[in-house]
Amino acid sequence: MKHPITVAVLGLACALVLSGCGKKPRYVDTPLPDGQVDPFPHPYPNPSLDPKPGQPAPGVRFP
């Protein structure tokens, strides 16, 4: 390459431009006060619905 510094500067500029991209929320909810019930208390996925080893998964059955 004839101009390694130019390539390095262009690469750095591209990396900085791409790092600034992204969807940012307009509004972020405040944390819940102490003692307030969490509206989403369950983990996802629900561990009680996970298939046990050697058992078929619940839901759609394939032939």
PDB file of N, CA and C in Angstrom:
ATOM      1  N   MET A   1       0.844  -1.180   0.000  1.00  0.00           N
ATOM      2  CA  MET A   1       0.000   0.000   0.000  1.00  0.00           C
ATOM      3  C   MET A   1       0.885   1.237   0.000  1.00  0.00           C
ATOM      4  N   LYS A   2       0.420   2.233  -0.711  1.00  0.00           N
ATOM      5  CA  LYS A   2       1.217   3.457  -0.808  1.00  0.00           C
ATOM      6  C   LYS A   2       1.011   4.374   0.395  1.00  0.00           C
ATOM      7  N   HIS A   3      -0.211   4.396   0.917  1.00  0.00           N
ATOM      8  CA  HIS A   3      -0.536   5.350   1.978  1.00  0.00           C
ATOM      9  C   HIS A   3      -1.162   4.633   3.174  1.00  0.00           C
ATOM     10  N   PRO A   4      -0.355   3.976   3.986  1.00  0.00           N
ATOM     11  CA  PRO A   4      -0.945   3.250   5.121  1.00  0.00           C
ATOM     12  C   PRO A   4      -1.579   4.177   6.164  1.00  0.00           C
ATOM     13  N   ILE A   5      -1.065   5.375   6.299  1.00  0.00           N
ATOM     14  CA  ILE A   5      -1.640   6.302   7.282  1.00  0.00           C
ATOM     15  C   ILE A   5      -3.025   6.752   6.822  1.00  0.00           C
ATOM     16  N   THR A   6      -3.181   7.008   5.525  1.00  0.00           N
ATOM     17  CA  THR A   6      -4.476   7.408   4.986  1.00  0.00           C
ATOM     18  C   THR A   6      -5.505   6.300   5.175  1.00  0.00           C
ATOM     19  N   VAL A   7      -5.096   5.070   4.917  1.00  0.00           N
ATOM     20  CA  VAL A   7      -6.001   3.935   5.093  1.00  0.00           C
ATOM     21  C   VAL A   7      -6.374   3.779   6.562  1.00  0.00           C
ATOM     22  N   ALA A   8      -5.413   3.979   7.448  1.00  0.00           N
ATOM     23  CA  ALA A   8      -5.689   3.863   8.877  1.00  0.00           C
ATOM     24  C   ALA A   8      -6.650   4.954   9.336  1.00  0.00           C
ATOM     25  N   VAL A   9      -6.461   6.177   8.844  1.00  0.00           N
ATOM     26  CA  VAL A   9      -7.343   7.283   9.226  1.00  0.00           C
ATOM     27  C   VAL A   9      -8.751   7.042   8.684  1.00  0.00           C
ATOM     28  N   LEU A  10      -8.864   6.585   7.445  1.00  0.00           N
ATOM     29  CA  LEU A  10     -10.181   6.290   6.885  1.00  0.00           C
ATOM     30  C   LEU A  10     -10.854   5.146   7.637  1.00  0.00           C
ATOM     31  N   GLY A  11     -10.108   4.128   8.002  1.00  0.00           N
ATOM     32  CA  GLY A  11     -10.669   3.022   8.778  1.00  0.00           C
ATOM     33  C   GLY A  11     -11.161   3.475  10.137  1.00  0.00           C
ATOM     34  N   LEU A  12     -10.380   4.329  10.790  1.00  0.00           N
ATOM     35  CA  LEU A  12     -10.784   4.861  12.092  1.00  0.00           C
ATOM     36  C   LEU A  12     -12.025   5.727  11.958  1.00  0.00           C
ATOM     37  N   ALA A  13     -12.089   6.542  10.908  1.00  0.00           N
ATOM     38  CA  ALA A  13     -13.255   7.392  10.689  1.00  0.00           C
ATOM     39  C   ALA A  13     -14.498   6.542  10.445  1.00  0.00           C
ATOM     40  N   CYS A  14     -14.367   5.492   9.649  1.00  0.00           N
ATOM     41  CA  CYS A  14     -15.504   4.597   9.405  1.00  0.00           C
ATOM     42  C   CYS A  14     -15.962   3.920  10.696  1.00  0.00           C
ATOM     43  N   ALA A  15     -15.011   3.495  11.504  1.00  0.00           N
ATOM     44  CA  ALA A  15     -15.364   2.845  12.770  1.00  0.00           C
ATOM     45  C   ALA A  15     -16.092   3.815  13.700  1.00  0.00           C
ATOM     46  N   LEU A  16     -15.647   5.057  13.744  1.00  0.00           N
ATOM     47  CA  LEU A  16     -16.309   6.046  14.599  1.00  0.00           C
ATOM     48  C   LEU A  16     -17.708   6.382  14.098  1.00  0.00           C
ATOM     49  N   VAL A  17     -17.871   6.458  12.777  1.00  0.00           N
ATOM     50  CA  VAL A  17     -19.193   6.741  12.219  1.00  0.00           C
ATOM     51  C   VAL A  17     -20.148   5.597  12.548  1.00  0.00           C
ATOM     52  N   LEU A  18     -19.707   4.362  12.373  1.00  0.00           N
ATOM     53  CA  LEU A  18     -20.567   3.217  12.654  1.00  0.00           C
ATOM     54  C   LEU A  18     -20.862   3.071  14.136  1.00  0.00           C
ATOM     55  N   SER A  19     -19.927   3.462  14.992  1.00  0.00           N
ATOM     56  CA  SER A  19     -20.175   3.329  16.430  1.00  0.00           C
ATOM     57  C   SER A  19     -21.221   4.327  16.910  1.00  0.00           C
ATOM     58  N   GLY A  20     -21.425   5.411  16.174  1.00  0.00           N
ATOM     59  CA  GLY A  20     -22.440   6.389  16.539  1.00  0.00           C
ATOM     60  C   GLY A  20     -23.831   5.994  16.085  1.00  0.00           C
ATOM     61  N   CYS A  21     -23.934   4.988  15.245  1.00  0.00           N
ATOM     62  CA  CYS A  21     -25.240   4.554  14.744  1.00  0.00           C
ATOM     63  C   CYS A  21     -25.940   3.711  15.802  1.00  0.00           C
ATOM     64  N   GLY A  22     -27.236   3.694  15.734  1.00  0.00           N
ATOM     65  CA  GLY A  22     -27.992   2.854  16.654  1.00  0.00           C
ATOM     66  C   GLY A  22     -29.287   3.523  17.036  1.00  0.00           C
ATOM     67  N   LYS A  23     -30.242   2.718  17.425  1.00  0.00           N
ATOM     68  CA  LYS A  23     -31.537   3.250  17.813  1.00  0.00           C
ATOM     69  C   LYS A  23     -31.520   3.492  19.313  1.00  0.00           C
ATOM     70  N   LYS A  24     -31.782   4.714  19.682  1.00  0.00           N
ATOM     71  CA  LYS A  24     -31.809   5.075  21.089  1.00  0.00           C
ATOM     72  C   LYS A  24     -33.246   5.412  21.469  1.00  0.00           C
ATOM     73  N   PRO A  25     -33.715   4.954  22.628  1.00  0.00           N
ATOM     74  CA  PRO A  25     -35.092   5.251  23.023  1.00  0.00           C
ATOM     75  C   PRO A  25     -35.270   6.731  23.354  1.00  0.00           C
ATOM     76  N   ARG A  26     -36.452   7.258  23.035  1.00  0.00           N
ATOM     77  CA  ARG A  26     -36.727   8.655  23.374  1.00  0.00           C
ATOM     78  C   ARG A  26     -37.021   8.803  24.863  1.00  0.00           C
ATOM     79  N   TYR A  27     -37.586   7.755  25.438  1.00  0.00           N
ATOM     80  CA  TYR A  27     -37.987   7.831  26.836  1.00  0.00           C
ATOM     81  C   TYR A  27     -37.580   6.538  27.528  1.00  0.00           C
ATOM     82  N   VAL A  28     -36.991   6.658  28.693  1.00  0.00           N
ATOM     83  CA  VAL A  28     -36.593   5.498  29.485  1.00  0.00           C
ATOM     84  C   VAL A  28     -37.339   5.553  30.805  1.00  0.00           C
ATOM     85  N   ASP A  29     -37.986   4.447  31.173  1.00  0.00           N
ATOM     86  CA  ASP A  29     -38.728   4.402  32.433  1.00  0.00           C
ATOM     87  C   ASP A  29     -37.778   4.540  33.619  1.00  0.00           C
ATOM     88  N   THR A  30     -38.254   5.201  34.641  1.00  0.00           N
ATOM     89  CA  THR A  30     -37.475   5.319  35.869  1.00  0.00           C
ATOM     90  C   THR A  30     -37.540   3.997  36.628  1.00  0.00           C
ATOM     91  N   PRO A  31     -36.557   3.712  37.462  1.00  0.00           N
ATOM     92  CA  PRO A  31     -36.602   2.473  38.250  1.00  0.00           C
ATOM     93  C   PRO A  31     -37.798   2.471  39.206  1.00  0.00           C
ATOM     94  N   LEU A  32     -38.269   1.266  39.528  1.00  0.00           N
ATOM     95  CA  LEU A  32     -39.402   1.140  40.440  1.00  0.00           C
ATOM     96  C   LEU A  32     -38.989   1.535  41.855  1.00  0.00           C
ATOM     97  N   PRO A  33     -39.863   2.248  42.561  1.00  0.00           N
ATOM     98  CA  PRO A  33     -39.563   2.576  43.959  1.00  0.00           C
ATOM     99  C   PRO A  33     -39.549   1.310  44.822  1.00  0.00           C
ATOM    100  N   ASP A  34     -38.897   1.392  45.956  1.00  0.00           N
ATOM    101  CA  ASP A  34     -38.836   0.252  46.873  1.00  0.00           C
ATOM    102  C   ASP A  34     -40.239  -0.132  47.329  1.00  0.00           C
ATOM    103  N   GLY A  35     -40.534  -1.431  47.305  1.00  0.00           N
ATOM    104  CA  GLY A  35     -41.810  -1.933  47.764  1.00  0.00           C
ATOM    105  C   GLY A  35     -42.861  -2.053  46.676  1.00  0.00           C
ATOM    106  N   GLN A  36     -42.627  -1.490  45.502  1.00  0.00           N
ATOM    107  CA  GLN A  36     -43.606  -1.598  44.425  1.00  0.00           C
ATOM    108  C   GLN A  36     -43.412  -2.937  43.714  1.00  0.00           C
ATOM    109  N   VAL A  37     -44.530  -3.572  43.340  1.00  0.00           N
ATOM    110  CA  VAL A  37     -44.494  -4.887  42.706  1.00  0.00           C
ATOM    111  C   VAL A  37     -44.024  -4.745  41.264  1.00  0.00           C
ATOM    112  N   ASP A  38     -43.120  -5.600  40.866  1.00  0.00           N
ATOM    113  CA  ASP A  38     -42.611  -5.607  39.503  1.00  0.00           C
ATOM    114  C   ASP A  38     -43.701  -6.133  38.566  1.00  0.00           C
ATOM    115  N   PRO A  39     -44.052  -5.386  37.481  1.00  0.00           N
ATOM    116  CA  PRO A  39     -45.105  -5.882  36.599  1.00  0.00           C
ATOM    117  C   PRO A  39     -44.666  -7.079  35.753  1.00  0.00           C
ATOM    118  N   PHE A  40     -43.386  -7.348  35.685  1.00  0.00           N
ATOM    119  CA  PHE A  40     -42.872  -8.474  34.905  1.00  0.00           C
ATOM    120  C   PHE A  40     -42.022  -9.368  35.814  1.00  0.00           C
ATOM    121  N   PRO A  41     -42.648 -10.086  36.735  1.00  0.00           N
ATOM    122  CA  PRO A  41     -41.862 -10.843  37.706  1.00  0.00           C
ATOM    123  C   PRO A  41     -41.367 -12.200  37.210  1.00  0.00           C
ATOM    124  N   HIS A  42     -41.836 -12.668  36.045  1.00  0.00           N
ATOM    125  CA  HIS A  42     -41.513 -14.018  35.615  1.00  0.00           C
ATOM    126  C   HIS A  42     -40.314 -14.028  34.675  1.00  0.00           C
ATOM    127  N   PRO A  43     -39.448 -15.021  34.809  1.00  0.00           N
ATOM    128  CA  PRO A  43     -38.338 -15.125  33.858  1.00  0.00           C
ATOM    129  C   PRO A  43     -38.827 -15.633  32.509  1.00  0.00           C
ATOM    130  N   TYR A  44     -38.116 -15.302  31.483  1.00  0.00           N
ATOM    131  CA  TYR A  44     -38.445 -15.806  30.155  1.00  0.00           C
ATOM    132  C   TYR A  44     -37.235 -16.546  29.633  1.00  0.00           C
ATOM    133  N   PRO A  45     -37.390 -17.700  29.114  1.00  0.00           N
ATOM    134  CA  PRO A  45     -38.581 -18.514  29.004  1.00  0.00           C
ATOM    135  C   PRO A  45     -38.960 -19.123  30.353  1.00  0.00           C
ATOM    136  N   ASN A  46     -40.194 -19.531  30.453  1.00  0.00           N
ATOM    137  CA  ASN A  46     -40.721 -20.086  31.693  1.00  0.00           C
ATOM    138  C   ASN A  46     -40.064 -21.439  31.961  1.00  0.00           C
ATOM    139  N   PRO A  47     -39.292 -21.565  33.051  1.00  0.00           N
ATOM    140  CA  PRO A  47     -38.600 -22.832  33.321  1.00  0.00           C
ATOM    141  C   PRO A  47     -39.536 -24.007  33.547  1.00  0.00           C
ATOM    142  N   SER A  48     -40.771 -23.745  33.997  1.00  0.00           N
ATOM    143  CA  SER A  48     -41.687 -24.863  34.231  1.00  0.00           C
ATOM    144  C   SER A  48     -42.164 -25.482  32.916  1.00  0.00           C
ATOM    145  N   LEU A  49     -42.047 -24.754  31.813  1.00  0.00           N
ATOM    146  CA  LEU A  49     -42.462 -25.276  30.516  1.00  0.00           C
ATOM    147  C   LEU A  49     -41.301 -25.870  29.717  1.00  0.00           C
ATOM    148  N   ASP A  50     -40.083 -25.764  30.242  1.00  0.00           N
ATOM    149  CA  ASP A  50     -38.938 -26.336  29.544  1.00  0.00           C
ATOM    150  C   ASP A  50     -39.049 -27.853  29.535  1.00  0.00           C
ATOM    151  N   PRO A  51     -38.733 -28.473  28.418  1.00  0.00           N
ATOM    152  CA  PRO A  51     -38.794 -29.936  28.375  1.00  0.00           C
ATOM    153  C   PRO A  51     -37.680 -30.542  29.230  1.00  0.00           C
ATOM    154  N   LYS A  52     -38.003 -31.623  29.879  1.00  0.00           N
ATOM    155  CA  LYS A  52     -37.010 -32.341  30.672  1.00  0.00           C
ATOM    156  C   LYS A  52     -36.223 -33.261  29.741  1.00  0.00           C
ATOM    157  N   PRO A  53     -35.017 -33.639  30.105  1.00  0.00           N
ATOM    158  CA  PRO A  53     -34.245 -34.538  29.246  1.00  0.00           C
ATOM    159  C   PRO A  53     -35.003 -35.835  28.972  1.00  0.00           C
ATOM    160  N   GLY A  54     -35.076 -36.217  27.708  1.00  0.00           N
ATOM    161  CA  GLY A  54     -35.750 -37.445  27.325  1.00  0.00           C
ATOM    162  C   GLY A  54     -37.238 -37.300  27.107  1.00  0.00           C
ATOM    163  N   GLN A  55     -37.799 -36.113  27.307  1.00  0.00           N
ATOM    164  CA  GLN A  55     -39.229 -35.891  27.097  1.00  0.00           C
ATOM    165  C   GLN A  55     -39.413 -34.946  25.916  1.00  0.00           C
ATOM    166  N   PRO A  56     -40.489 -35.123  25.145  1.00  0.00           N
ATOM    167  CA  PRO A  56     -40.729 -34.201  24.032  1.00  0.00           C
ATOM    168  C   PRO A  56     -41.157 -32.831  24.550  1.00  0.00           C
ATOM    169  N   ALA A  57     -40.879 -31.817  23.777  1.00  0.00           N
ATOM    170  CA  ALA A  57     -41.260 -30.463  24.139  1.00  0.00           C
ATOM    171  C   ALA A  57     -42.769 -30.283  24.015  1.00  0.00           C
ATOM    172  N   PRO A  58     -43.388 -29.494  24.889  1.00  0.00           N
ATOM    173  CA  PRO A  58     -44.823 -29.245  24.746  1.00  0.00           C
ATOM    174  C   PRO A  58     -45.084 -28.348  23.539  1.00  0.00           C
ATOM    175  N   GLY A  59     -46.259 -28.485  22.956  1.00  0.00           N
ATOM    176  CA  GLY A  59     -46.604 -27.633  21.815  1.00  0.00           C
ATOM    177  C   GLY A  59     -46.905 -28.461  20.590  1.00  0.00           C
ATOM    178  N   VAL A  60     -46.466 -27.980  19.449  1.00  0.00           N
ATOM    179  CA  VAL A  60     -46.773 -28.600  18.168  1.00  0.00           C
ATOM    180  C   VAL A  60     -46.031 -29.930  18.062  1.00  0.00           C
ATOM    181  N   ARG A  61     -46.751 -30.954  17.634  1.00  0.00           N
ATOM    182  CA  ARG A  61     -46.155 -32.277  17.449  1.00  0.00           C
ATOM    183  C   ARG A  61     -45.885 -32.488  15.964  1.00  0.00           C
ATOM    184  N   PHE A  62     -44.711 -32.933  15.632  1.00  0.00           N
ATOM    185  CA  PHE A  62     -44.365 -33.236  14.247  1.00  0.00           C
ATOM    186  C   PHE A  62     -44.511 -34.731  14.014  1.00  0.00           C
ATOM    187  N   PRO A  63     -44.988 -35.105  12.816  1.00  0.00           N
ATOM    188  CA  PRO A  63     -45.190 -36.538  12.547  1.00  0.00           C
ATOM    189  C   PRO A  63     -43.894 -37.305  12.505  1.00  0.00           C
TER     190      PRO A  63
END
